[in-house]
Amino acid sequence: MARRVAVIGGGSSGLTCIKCCLDEGLEPVCFESSDDIGGLWRFKEDPESDRASIYHSLIINTSKEMMCFSDYPIPAHFPNYMHNSLIMDYFRMYAEHFQLTRYIHFQTTVCSVKQRPDFSYSGQWDVVVKNKEGREEKYIFDAVMICIGHHVYPNLPLKDFPGIETFKGDWMHSRDYKIPEQWRNKRVVVIGIGNSGGDIAVELSRAAQQVFLSTRRGAWILNRVGKNGIPLDLLFNRVMYLLGYVLPFGFLCSLWECAVNKRFNHTLYSLKPKHRLMSQHPTVSDELPNRIISGTVLVKPNICRFQDSSVVFEDGTVEDDIDLVVFATGYRFAFPFLSSPVLSVSENRASLYKHVFPPDLERHTLAIIGLVQPLGAIMPISEMQARWATRVFKGLNKLPSTDRMWKDIKSVTEEMSKRYVPSARHTIQVDFTPYMDELANQFGVRPNILKLLLTDPRLGLPKLLVLSTLLVAAIYAGKRHSKLLESPMAALNNWRMYVPAAVLRVLKI
């Protein structure tokens, strides 16, 4: 049975892994290459080569009750959609409350993770790290949890853009973009209309002379505020999951496409893609349509080539005197410290059972946590993955046979290839509620909605259906250490996602 667990990475996934190890009586040792917690969400002016990086204005796309850990609610006075600095405040509160930083070795880089010679018997790992003094240290661990995320290594497809090597303007990946001031009165091209591309185009349009937003496929644009002011991610939660059982995929897409087109006609704005709304990770942007209609952002097709300081687009149009090109072209993931026989990555795809466990290991003492791209928040998913993984490490839960795991992996891969447009970002795509339910089912805490309703009718179906699986699972499992969920009604009494934080003092939910 595993006792000592290496946790690689001190971001949101690493923090919840430490906490879950402690809950199960395991001894976590976390290695964080930087000097602080937070990972992706900790803003720094100068990007670090081995850590994800964000821009100063970044606001999360998921509402606070849908992204919090199950045992530590986000403060009531925090807004529904938080700036990255508030997310860091929450992580610090979480880490301090559970005293997690005492288990973290900061400024320590993991050099290698290898199976011990007796791995088939012990399941143990040799881990070599380099500490802040530059000295190598060797450890033996009973299990390893890798929590480095998938926003570390920028994807720069320069070979797809002829002439970029002689382009006279500046260019950068979106991870290197921080603030708009230095590009005031400049002409800027942003390549890519994912969440980062949309945000950066909007922000630059307030300072630049002109912003051109180049997109190959177009995108369906969602906004954070849904019907009646409810955070939109609630509508993508359990209700949509249940509708998916009774409505065909195409009809469900049509409902959403009709809804988003009521806000603005995607065809008129040159944004309508050929694919369906649920066949690509949607872009969340409250302001992009306003910037397009005001002319400060002009939508352009894919780039054909660069020529001196000009950009030639596939429709034949040319924009001259371009000062900056921002490649918002996503990321690739890798595990450079892990030997390829253990886990190989090809075309941004890693074969993992339920996106967590490599299927071919003789002992399942390695878990990859947070390597998913959800239609929802990553934090609750990482917690659910960590809860499952630690129970597997302890021998409390068993994984299926290798053949069954491979069959599941291949089935999921086929389903994803049928549903999504070909893209590196869709290799780790999951739907939030179905995936959370799937994880909860692995260790017997999947919510039984009918049972909960019969046990306590006061919950009410409408309210219950929009609670995240993690919260309902915590109720269902009777999670004693949960501060938030001492009873089902306590969960609903703390259900603060309907209204902005500023008006909570005068409204009762």
Protein backbone atom coordinates (compact mmCIF):
# COMPACT_ATOMS: atom_id res chain seq x y z
CA MET A 1 0.00 0.00 0.00
CA ALA A 2 1.32 3.45 -0.96
CA ARG A 3 2.42 5.68 1.90
CA ARG A 4 4.73 8.40 0.57
CA VAL A 5 3.50 10.29 -2.48
CA ALA A 6 5.36 12.72 -4.75
CA VAL A 7 3.21 15.59 -5.99
CA ILE A 8 4.79 17.38 -8.96
CA GLY A 9 3.51 20.94 -9.27
CA GLY A 10 2.15 23.42 -6.74
CA GLY A 11 -0.71 24.89 -8.75
CA SER A 12 -4.40 24.32 -8.11
CA SER A 13 -4.16 20.61 -8.95
CA GLY A 14 -1.08 20.13 -6.80
CA LEU A 15 -2.72 21.81 -3.81
CA THR A 16 -5.78 19.58 -3.89
CA CYS A 17 -3.55 16.52 -4.35
CA ILE A 18 -1.68 17.41 -1.16
CA LYS A 19 -4.99 17.83 0.65
CA CYS A 20 -6.41 14.53 -0.65
CA CYS A 21 -3.23 12.68 0.34
CA LEU A 22 -3.56 14.04 3.87
CA ASP A 23 -7.23 13.07 3.99
CA GLU A 24 -6.26 9.48 3.17
CA GLY A 25 -3.42 9.34 5.69
CA LEU A 26 -0.69 9.51 3.04
CA GLU A 27 2.50 11.58 3.25
CA PRO A 28 2.68 14.08 0.37
CA VAL A 29 5.94 15.69 -0.76
CA CYS A 30 5.29 18.40 -3.35
CA PHE A 31 7.95 19.75 -5.72
CA GLU A 32 7.31 23.21 -7.20
CA SER A 33 9.83 24.68 -9.63
CA SER A 34 8.96 28.32 -8.86
CA ASP A 35 9.01 30.21 -5.57
CA ASP A 36 5.25 30.23 -4.90
CA ILE A 37 1.98 28.33 -5.30
CA GLY A 38 -0.68 29.04 -7.92
CA GLY A 39 0.79 27.70 -11.14
CA LEU A 40 -1.06 29.13 -14.12
CA TRP A 41 -2.96 31.67 -12.04
CA ARG A 42 0.02 33.50 -10.54
CA PHE A 43 0.72 36.53 -12.72
CA LYS A 44 4.32 37.57 -13.35
CA GLU A 45 5.56 40.30 -15.66
CA ASP A 46 8.30 38.04 -17.02
CA PRO A 47 7.20 34.58 -18.21
CA GLU A 48 9.08 31.57 -16.84
CA SER A 49 10.08 28.91 -19.36
CA ASP A 50 8.81 25.99 -17.28
CA ARG A 51 5.58 27.53 -15.98
CA ALA A 52 2.30 28.63 -17.51
CA SER A 53 1.87 32.38 -17.93
CA ILE A 54 -1.15 34.70 -18.06
CA TYR A 55 -1.91 38.31 -18.96
CA HIS A 56 -2.59 40.91 -16.28
CA SER A 57 -6.30 41.42 -16.97
CA LEU A 58 -7.30 37.75 -17.12
CA ILE A 59 -10.67 36.89 -15.55
CA ILE A 60 -11.73 33.26 -15.18
CA ASN A 61 -14.55 31.93 -17.38
CA THR A 62 -16.21 29.79 -14.70
CA SER A 63 -18.25 31.12 -11.79
CA LYS A 64 -16.94 30.80 -8.26
CA GLU A 65 -19.33 28.16 -6.90
CA MET A 66 -18.56 25.94 -9.87
CA MET A 67 -14.79 26.22 -9.42
CA CYS A 68 -14.28 26.02 -5.66
CA PHE A 69 -12.93 23.01 -3.82
CA SER A 70 -15.62 21.03 -2.00
CA ASP A 71 -14.28 21.64 1.50
CA TYR A 72 -13.43 25.33 1.31
CA PRO A 73 -16.00 27.77 -0.16
CA ILE A 74 -14.89 30.93 -1.91
CA PRO A 75 -15.70 33.99 0.26
CA ALA A 76 -19.18 35.40 -0.27
CA HIS A 77 -17.88 38.89 -1.05
CA PHE A 78 -15.80 37.63 -3.99
CA PRO A 79 -17.47 38.24 -7.38
CA ASN A 80 -18.90 35.37 -9.37
CA TYR A 81 -16.23 35.67 -12.05
CA MET A 82 -12.90 36.42 -10.45
CA HIS A 83 -9.80 38.27 -11.59
CA ASN A 84 -6.66 36.15 -11.45
CA SER A 85 -5.48 38.02 -8.34
CA LEU A 86 -8.61 36.94 -6.44
CA ILE A 87 -8.13 33.36 -7.56
CA MET A 88 -4.64 33.54 -6.08
CA ASP A 89 -6.11 34.96 -2.87
CA TYR A 90 -8.44 31.97 -2.70
CA PHE A 91 -5.61 29.49 -3.28
CA ARG A 92 -3.57 31.15 -0.52
CA MET A 93 -6.53 30.95 1.88
CA TYR A 94 -7.06 27.31 0.98
CA ALA A 95 -3.37 26.47 1.45
CA GLU A 96 -3.17 28.36 4.74
CA HIS A 97 -6.38 26.88 6.14
CA PHE A 98 -5.20 23.31 5.56
CA GLN A 99 -1.51 24.14 6.14
CA LEU A 100 -0.49 22.76 2.76
CA THR A 101 2.66 24.79 2.06
CA ARG A 102 4.61 22.92 4.73
CA TYR A 103 4.63 19.97 2.33
CA ILE A 104 5.97 21.95 -0.65
CA HIS A 105 9.63 22.16 -1.71
CA PHE A 106 9.80 25.44 -3.63
CA GLN A 107 12.35 26.25 -6.34
CA THR A 108 12.85 22.53 -6.83
CA THR A 109 12.82 21.09 -10.34
CA VAL A 110 12.00 17.47 -11.04
CA CYS A 111 14.68 15.99 -13.29
CA SER A 112 13.52 12.39 -13.66
CA VAL A 113 10.83 9.98 -12.53
CA LYS A 114 11.67 6.32 -13.09
CA GLN A 115 10.32 2.98 -11.99
CA ARG A 116 12.45 1.24 -9.38
CA PRO A 117 14.04 -2.10 -10.34
CA ASP A 118 11.48 -3.92 -8.18
CA PHE A 119 8.54 -1.87 -9.49
CA SER A 120 6.49 -4.94 -10.45
CA TYR A 121 6.47 -5.86 -6.76
CA SER A 122 6.76 -2.53 -4.90
CA GLY A 123 5.21 -0.05 -7.33
CA GLN A 124 7.83 2.45 -6.17
CA TRP A 125 9.50 5.29 -8.06
CA ASP A 126 12.96 6.85 -8.09
CA VAL A 127 12.59 10.63 -8.28
CA VAL A 128 15.56 12.92 -8.88
CA VAL A 129 15.17 16.66 -8.27
CA LYS A 130 17.40 19.72 -8.35
CA ASN A 131 16.95 22.04 -5.38
CA LYS A 132 17.29 25.83 -5.31
CA GLU A 133 21.02 25.54 -4.56
CA GLY A 134 21.43 23.49 -7.76
CA ARG A 135 22.16 20.23 -5.96
CA GLU A 136 20.59 16.97 -7.05
CA GLU A 137 18.56 15.04 -4.49
CA LYS A 138 17.19 11.52 -4.82
CA TYR A 139 13.96 10.22 -3.32
CA ILE A 140 12.00 6.99 -3.27
CA PHE A 141 8.20 7.30 -3.43
CA ASP A 142 5.38 4.80 -3.22
CA ALA A 143 3.30 6.79 -5.70
CA VAL A 144 3.54 9.86 -7.94
CA MET A 145 0.92 12.48 -8.88
CA ILE A 146 1.83 14.73 -11.82
CA CYS A 147 0.07 18.10 -11.72
CA ILE A 148 1.86 20.33 -14.23
CA GLY A 149 -1.17 21.11 -16.39
CA HIS A 150 -1.28 21.64 -20.14
CA HIS A 151 -0.48 25.35 -20.53
CA VAL A 152 3.31 25.22 -20.14
CA TYR A 153 4.67 24.71 -23.65
CA PRO A 154 3.40 27.17 -26.29
CA ASN A 155 2.28 25.83 -29.65
CA LEU A 156 3.86 27.96 -32.38
CA PRO A 157 3.02 26.54 -35.85
CA LEU A 158 5.38 28.92 -37.66
CA LYS A 159 5.78 26.52 -40.60
CA ASP A 160 2.13 27.20 -41.45
CA PHE A 161 2.84 30.92 -41.93
CA PRO A 162 5.23 31.52 -44.84
CA GLY A 163 7.29 34.68 -44.56
CA ILE A 164 7.15 34.95 -40.77
CA GLU A 165 10.93 34.54 -40.56
CA THR A 166 11.43 37.78 -42.52
CA PHE A 167 8.45 39.67 -41.09
CA LYS A 168 9.58 43.18 -40.14
CA GLY A 169 7.18 43.64 -37.25
CA ASP A 170 7.22 41.95 -33.85
CA TRP A 171 5.56 38.67 -33.04
CA MET A 172 4.92 36.70 -29.85
CA HIS A 173 2.91 33.84 -28.43
CA SER A 174 -0.05 34.82 -26.27
CA ARG A 175 1.76 33.51 -23.16
CA ASP A 176 4.22 36.40 -23.54
CA TYR A 177 1.51 39.07 -23.77
CA LYS A 178 0.96 40.97 -20.50
CA ILE A 179 -0.47 44.49 -20.93
CA PRO A 180 -1.62 46.59 -23.92
CA GLU A 181 0.11 49.91 -23.21
CA GLN A 182 3.27 49.31 -25.24
CA TRP A 183 1.15 48.70 -28.35
CA ARG A 184 -0.79 51.96 -28.18
CA ASN A 185 -1.59 53.37 -31.64
CA LYS A 186 -0.11 50.28 -33.31
CA ARG A 187 -1.62 47.92 -35.88
CA VAL A 188 -1.98 44.41 -34.48
CA VAL A 189 -2.97 40.99 -35.83
CA VAL A 190 -4.17 38.34 -33.37
CA ILE A 191 -4.14 34.78 -34.73
CA GLY A 192 -6.66 32.47 -33.08
CA ILE A 193 -10.10 32.99 -31.60
CA GLY A 194 -9.94 30.85 -28.49
CA ASN A 195 -10.46 32.44 -25.09
CA SER A 196 -6.99 34.01 -24.98
CA GLY A 197 -7.21 35.28 -28.55
CA GLY A 198 -10.60 36.88 -27.93
CA ASP A 199 -9.51 38.49 -24.66
CA ILE A 200 -6.26 39.85 -26.07
CA ALA A 201 -7.93 41.21 -29.22
CA VAL A 202 -10.53 43.02 -27.08
CA GLU A 203 -7.97 44.48 -24.70
CA LEU A 204 -5.57 45.60 -27.44
CA SER A 205 -8.44 47.24 -29.34
CA ARG A 206 -8.72 49.85 -26.57
CA ALA A 207 -5.14 50.96 -27.10
CA ALA A 208 -4.11 49.96 -30.61
CA GLN A 209 -4.92 51.89 -33.76
CA GLN A 210 -6.51 48.76 -35.25
CA VAL A 211 -6.78 45.08 -34.31
CA PHE A 212 -7.31 42.32 -36.87
CA LEU A 213 -8.56 38.98 -35.52
CA SER A 214 -7.62 36.11 -37.82
CA THR A 215 -9.53 32.84 -37.56
CA ARG A 216 -9.46 29.71 -39.69
CA ARG A 217 -12.77 28.24 -38.58
CA GLY A 218 -14.67 30.99 -36.80
CA ALA A 219 -16.18 30.34 -33.38
CA TRP A 220 -19.36 30.32 -31.38
CA ILE A 221 -19.12 33.13 -28.83
CA LEU A 222 -20.66 32.73 -25.39
CA ASN A 223 -20.78 35.32 -22.63
CA ARG A 224 -20.42 34.88 -18.90
CA VAL A 225 -23.85 36.24 -17.99
CA GLY A 226 -26.71 33.94 -18.92
CA LYS A 227 -30.48 34.27 -18.85
CA ASN A 228 -31.83 36.40 -15.99
CA GLY A 229 -28.28 37.23 -14.96
CA ILE A 230 -27.40 33.68 -13.97
CA PRO A 231 -23.78 32.68 -14.67
CA LEU A 232 -23.81 30.87 -17.98
CA ASP A 233 -21.75 27.90 -16.85
CA LEU A 234 -24.69 26.73 -14.74
CA LEU A 235 -26.60 26.12 -17.96
CA PHE A 236 -23.78 23.88 -19.18
CA ASN A 237 -23.95 21.84 -16.01
CA ARG A 238 -26.29 19.05 -14.98
CA VAL A 239 -29.41 20.30 -16.80
CA MET A 240 -27.64 20.12 -20.18
CA TYR A 241 -26.26 16.73 -19.19
CA LEU A 242 -29.77 15.41 -18.62
CA LEU A 243 -31.05 16.96 -21.85
CA GLY A 244 -28.27 15.12 -23.63
CA TYR A 245 -29.91 11.85 -22.65
CA VAL A 246 -33.22 12.69 -24.33
CA LEU A 247 -32.27 15.00 -27.20
CA PRO A 248 -30.13 14.16 -30.25
CA PHE A 249 -26.72 15.83 -30.39
CA GLY A 250 -27.65 17.90 -33.45
CA PHE A 251 -30.88 19.16 -31.91
CA LEU A 252 -29.07 20.12 -28.69
CA CYS A 253 -26.52 22.06 -30.73
CA SER A 254 -29.31 23.81 -32.62
CA LEU A 255 -30.88 24.97 -29.34
CA TRP A 256 -27.61 26.52 -28.21
CA GLU A 257 -26.81 28.02 -31.60
CA CYS A 258 -30.22 29.65 -31.69
CA ALA A 259 -29.63 31.04 -28.20
CA VAL A 260 -26.21 32.53 -28.95
CA ASN A 261 -27.41 33.96 -32.28
CA LYS A 262 -30.10 35.88 -30.41
CA ARG A 263 -27.31 37.88 -28.83
CA PHE A 264 -25.70 38.57 -32.21
CA ASN A 265 -25.86 36.95 -35.63
CA HIS A 266 -22.59 35.06 -36.06
CA THR A 267 -22.92 35.11 -39.85
CA LEU A 268 -23.18 38.91 -40.01
CA TYR A 269 -20.12 39.19 -37.77
CA SER A 270 -18.07 36.82 -39.99
CA LEU A 271 -17.71 34.39 -37.10
CA LYS A 272 -20.10 31.54 -37.89
CA PRO A 273 -18.13 28.31 -38.14
CA LYS A 274 -19.05 25.29 -40.23
CA HIS A 275 -18.97 23.02 -37.19
CA ARG A 276 -21.68 22.73 -34.55
CA LEU A 277 -21.51 24.62 -31.27
CA MET A 278 -20.65 21.55 -29.20
CA SER A 279 -18.03 20.31 -31.69
CA GLN A 280 -15.40 22.77 -30.52
CA HIS A 281 -14.50 24.31 -27.19
CA PRO A 282 -16.60 27.52 -27.28
CA THR A 283 -15.07 30.95 -26.83
CA VAL A 284 -16.24 33.02 -23.88
CA SER A 285 -16.11 36.77 -24.49
CA ASP A 286 -18.50 39.38 -23.14
CA GLU A 287 -17.02 42.25 -25.14
CA LEU A 288 -15.87 40.88 -28.50
CA PRO A 289 -19.18 41.53 -30.34
CA ASN A 290 -19.13 45.14 -29.08
CA ARG A 291 -15.57 45.66 -30.33
CA ILE A 292 -16.44 44.15 -33.71
CA ILE A 293 -19.57 46.29 -34.18
CA SER A 294 -17.58 49.39 -33.26
CA GLY A 295 -14.88 48.54 -35.81
CA THR A 296 -11.97 48.41 -33.37
CA VAL A 297 -11.66 44.66 -34.05
CA LEU A 298 -11.93 43.47 -37.66
CA VAL A 299 -12.46 39.75 -38.25
CA LYS A 300 -10.22 38.29 -40.96
CA PRO A 301 -9.81 34.79 -42.42
CA ASN A 302 -6.71 32.63 -42.08
CA ILE A 303 -3.35 34.13 -43.03
CA CYS A 304 -1.88 33.14 -46.39
CA ARG A 305 1.60 34.64 -45.87
CA PHE A 306 3.66 37.44 -44.38
CA GLN A 307 5.40 39.87 -46.68
CA ASP A 308 7.78 42.47 -45.22
CA SER A 309 5.52 44.31 -42.76
CA SER A 310 2.30 43.23 -44.48
CA VAL A 311 -0.07 40.34 -43.85
CA VAL A 312 -1.83 38.65 -46.77
CA PHE A 313 -5.05 36.82 -45.90
CA GLU A 314 -6.64 33.88 -47.71
CA ASP A 315 -9.43 36.05 -49.14
CA GLY A 316 -6.80 38.13 -50.96
CA THR A 317 -7.00 41.17 -48.69
CA VAL A 318 -3.76 42.73 -47.48
CA GLU A 319 -3.09 44.73 -44.33
CA ASP A 320 0.06 46.83 -44.40
CA ASP A 321 2.28 48.29 -41.68
CA ILE A 322 1.52 45.61 -39.09
CA ASP A 323 3.49 46.26 -35.91
CA LEU A 324 2.66 43.13 -33.90
CA VAL A 325 1.37 39.61 -34.46
CA VAL A 326 0.09 37.63 -31.45
CA PHE A 327 -0.07 33.86 -31.91
CA ALA A 328 -2.97 32.74 -29.70
CA THR A 329 -2.46 29.25 -31.05
CA GLY A 330 -2.71 27.21 -27.90
CA TYR A 331 -0.34 24.88 -26.12
CA ARG A 332 1.09 21.40 -26.23
CA PHE A 333 1.82 19.29 -23.19
CA ALA A 334 4.77 17.10 -22.31
CA PHE A 335 6.37 15.30 -19.38
CA PRO A 336 10.11 15.72 -20.01
CA PHE A 337 11.07 14.11 -16.70
CA LEU A 338 9.09 10.92 -17.39
CA SER A 339 10.54 8.09 -19.47
CA SER A 340 8.59 7.28 -22.64
CA PRO A 341 7.80 3.63 -21.82
CA VAL A 342 5.81 4.88 -18.83
CA LEU A 343 3.78 7.49 -20.72
CA SER A 344 4.34 8.74 -24.25
CA VAL A 345 2.77 11.83 -25.79
CA SER A 346 2.07 11.85 -29.52
CA GLU A 347 0.26 14.64 -31.39
CA ASN A 348 -0.75 16.16 -28.06
CA ARG A 349 -2.41 12.94 -27.01
CA ALA A 350 -1.63 10.73 -24.01
CA SER A 351 -3.37 7.40 -23.54
CA LEU A 352 -4.80 7.53 -20.03
CA TYR A 353 -7.68 5.64 -18.45
CA LYS A 354 -10.30 8.26 -17.56
CA HIS A 355 -7.58 10.85 -18.33
CA VAL A 356 -5.74 9.83 -15.14
CA PHE A 357 -4.01 6.42 -15.19
CA PRO A 358 -1.53 4.97 -17.72
CA PRO A 359 -3.10 1.57 -18.45
CA ASP A 360 0.01 -0.58 -18.95
CA LEU A 361 1.73 -0.19 -15.59
CA GLU A 362 2.04 -3.32 -13.48
CA ARG A 363 1.28 -1.26 -10.39
CA HIS A 364 -1.05 1.72 -10.68
CA THR A 365 0.95 4.14 -8.57
CA LEU A 366 1.17 6.96 -11.12
CA ALA A 367 -1.66 9.44 -11.70
CA ILE A 368 -1.84 12.43 -14.04
CA ILE A 369 -4.04 15.07 -12.42
CA GLY A 370 -5.64 18.00 -14.26
CA LEU A 371 -4.74 16.97 -17.81
CA VAL A 372 -8.19 17.79 -19.18
CA GLN A 373 -9.84 20.64 -21.06
CA PRO A 374 -13.33 20.81 -19.54
CA LEU A 375 -16.44 22.73 -20.45
CA GLY A 376 -16.25 23.98 -16.88
CA ALA A 377 -13.70 24.50 -14.14
CA ILE A 378 -10.58 22.40 -13.71
CA MET A 379 -10.31 22.71 -9.90
CA PRO A 380 -13.26 20.44 -8.93
CA ILE A 381 -12.18 17.93 -11.56
CA SER A 382 -8.65 17.82 -10.16
CA GLU A 383 -10.04 17.28 -6.67
CA MET A 384 -12.27 14.43 -7.83
CA GLN A 385 -9.37 12.86 -9.75
CA ALA A 386 -7.11 13.19 -6.70
CA ARG A 387 -9.70 11.65 -4.37
CA TRP A 388 -9.98 8.67 -6.70
CA ALA A 389 -6.22 8.34 -7.27
CA THR A 390 -5.33 8.36 -3.57
CA ARG A 391 -7.87 5.61 -2.93
CA VAL A 392 -6.35 3.55 -5.73
CA PHE A 393 -2.89 4.11 -4.22
CA LYS A 394 -4.13 2.84 -0.87
CA GLY A 395 -5.70 -0.23 -2.40
CA LEU A 396 -9.23 0.86 -1.48
CA ASN A 397 -10.31 0.91 -5.13
CA LYS A 398 -9.18 -1.30 -7.98
CA LEU A 399 -8.78 -0.41 -11.63
CA PRO A 400 -10.16 -2.66 -14.39
CA SER A 401 -7.91 -5.01 -16.33
CA THR A 402 -5.45 -3.54 -18.81
CA ASP A 403 -7.57 -4.78 -21.73
CA ARG A 404 -10.71 -3.12 -20.35
CA MET A 405 -8.86 0.15 -19.77
CA TRP A 406 -7.50 0.17 -23.32
CA LYS A 407 -10.95 -0.60 -24.67
CA ASP A 408 -12.33 2.39 -22.77
CA ILE A 409 -9.51 4.66 -23.97
CA LYS A 410 -10.07 3.70 -27.61
CA SER A 411 -13.82 4.16 -27.27
CA VAL A 412 -13.39 7.65 -25.81
CA THR A 413 -10.87 8.57 -28.53
CA GLU A 414 -13.28 7.47 -31.26
CA GLU A 415 -16.16 9.40 -29.71
CA MET A 416 -14.05 12.55 -29.47
CA SER A 417 -12.87 12.29 -33.08
CA LYS A 418 -16.49 11.99 -34.24
CA ARG A 419 -17.74 14.92 -32.19
CA TYR A 420 -14.94 17.49 -32.33
CA VAL A 421 -13.19 19.24 -35.19
CA PRO A 422 -9.56 18.08 -35.55
CA SER A 423 -7.47 20.14 -33.13
CA ALA A 424 -4.71 19.58 -30.60
CA ARG A 425 -6.85 21.18 -27.91
CA HIS A 426 -9.60 18.57 -28.30
CA THR A 427 -7.43 15.57 -27.41
CA ILE A 428 -8.14 16.17 -23.71
CA GLN A 429 -11.63 17.67 -23.97
CA VAL A 430 -14.28 16.57 -21.46
CA ASP A 431 -17.82 17.65 -20.62
CA PHE A 432 -17.82 18.80 -17.01
CA THR A 433 -20.82 17.03 -15.47
CA PRO A 434 -20.64 13.71 -17.38
CA TYR A 435 -16.94 13.44 -16.62
CA MET A 436 -17.39 14.35 -12.95
CA ASP A 437 -20.16 11.77 -12.65
CA GLU A 438 -17.89 9.23 -14.32
CA LEU A 439 -15.10 9.91 -11.83
CA ALA A 440 -17.49 9.82 -8.87
CA ASN A 441 -18.73 6.45 -10.07
CA GLN A 442 -15.19 5.03 -9.89
CA PHE A 443 -15.21 5.13 -6.10
CA GLY A 444 -18.88 4.92 -5.27
CA VAL A 445 -19.89 8.53 -4.66
CA ARG A 446 -21.83 9.29 -7.84
CA PRO A 447 -24.90 11.31 -6.77
CA ASN A 448 -28.21 9.48 -6.65
CA ILE A 449 -30.51 12.39 -7.41
CA LEU A 450 -33.73 10.45 -6.90
CA LYS A 451 -32.54 9.20 -3.50
CA LEU A 452 -31.58 12.71 -2.43
CA LEU A 453 -34.97 14.06 -3.46
CA LEU A 454 -36.81 11.32 -1.59
CA THR A 455 -34.59 11.77 1.47
CA ASP A 456 -35.01 15.53 1.64
CA PRO A 457 -37.66 16.99 -0.72
CA ARG A 458 -36.67 20.50 0.40
CA LEU A 459 -33.67 20.30 -1.91
CA GLY A 460 -35.96 20.73 -4.89
CA LEU A 461 -35.12 19.47 -8.34
CA PRO A 462 -34.22 22.83 -9.96
CA LYS A 463 -31.66 23.71 -7.31
CA LEU A 464 -30.21 20.24 -7.07
CA LEU A 465 -29.70 19.89 -10.79
CA VAL A 466 -27.36 22.85 -11.07
CA LEU A 467 -25.12 22.00 -8.13
CA SER A 468 -21.77 20.68 -9.28
CA THR A 469 -21.18 16.95 -9.06
CA LEU A 470 -18.36 17.50 -6.59
CA LEU A 471 -20.69 19.21 -4.12
CA VAL A 472 -23.50 16.71 -4.54
CA ALA A 473 -21.04 13.83 -4.29
CA ALA A 474 -19.74 15.30 -1.07
CA ILE A 475 -23.29 15.32 0.29
CA TYR A 476 -23.95 11.82 -0.97
CA ALA A 477 -20.73 10.43 0.51
CA GLY A 478 -21.22 12.13 3.88
CA LYS A 479 -17.86 13.85 3.62
CA ARG A 480 -17.12 14.62 7.28
CA HIS A 481 -14.25 17.02 6.69
CA SER A 482 -16.28 19.25 4.38
CA LYS A 483 -16.72 22.75 5.76
CA LEU A 484 -19.28 23.62 3.11
CA LEU A 485 -21.43 20.53 3.14
CA GLU A 486 -22.44 19.67 6.69
CA SER A 487 -25.91 18.87 5.33
CA PRO A 488 -27.73 19.11 2.01
CA MET A 489 -29.54 22.25 3.13
CA ALA A 490 -26.25 23.85 4.17
CA ALA A 491 -25.10 23.45 0.59
CA LEU A 492 -28.15 25.28 -0.71
CA ASN A 493 -27.94 27.97 1.98
CA ASN A 494 -24.43 28.68 0.70
CA TRP A 495 -25.61 28.68 -2.91
CA ARG A 496 -24.57 32.20 -3.84
CA MET A 497 -24.04 31.99 -7.55
CA TYR A 498 -27.28 33.61 -8.69
CA VAL A 499 -26.39 37.20 -7.81
CA PRO A 500 -23.34 39.46 -7.96
CA ALA A 501 -21.42 39.56 -4.68
CA ALA A 502 -22.08 43.28 -4.27
CA VAL A 503 -25.81 42.77 -3.72
CA LEU A 504 -25.69 39.71 -1.48
CA ARG A 505 -26.20 41.88 1.58
CA VAL A 506 -29.71 42.86 0.47
CA LEU A 507 -30.92 39.67 -1.19
CA LYS A 508 -31.82 36.29 0.25
CA ILE A 509 -31.44 33.16 -1.84
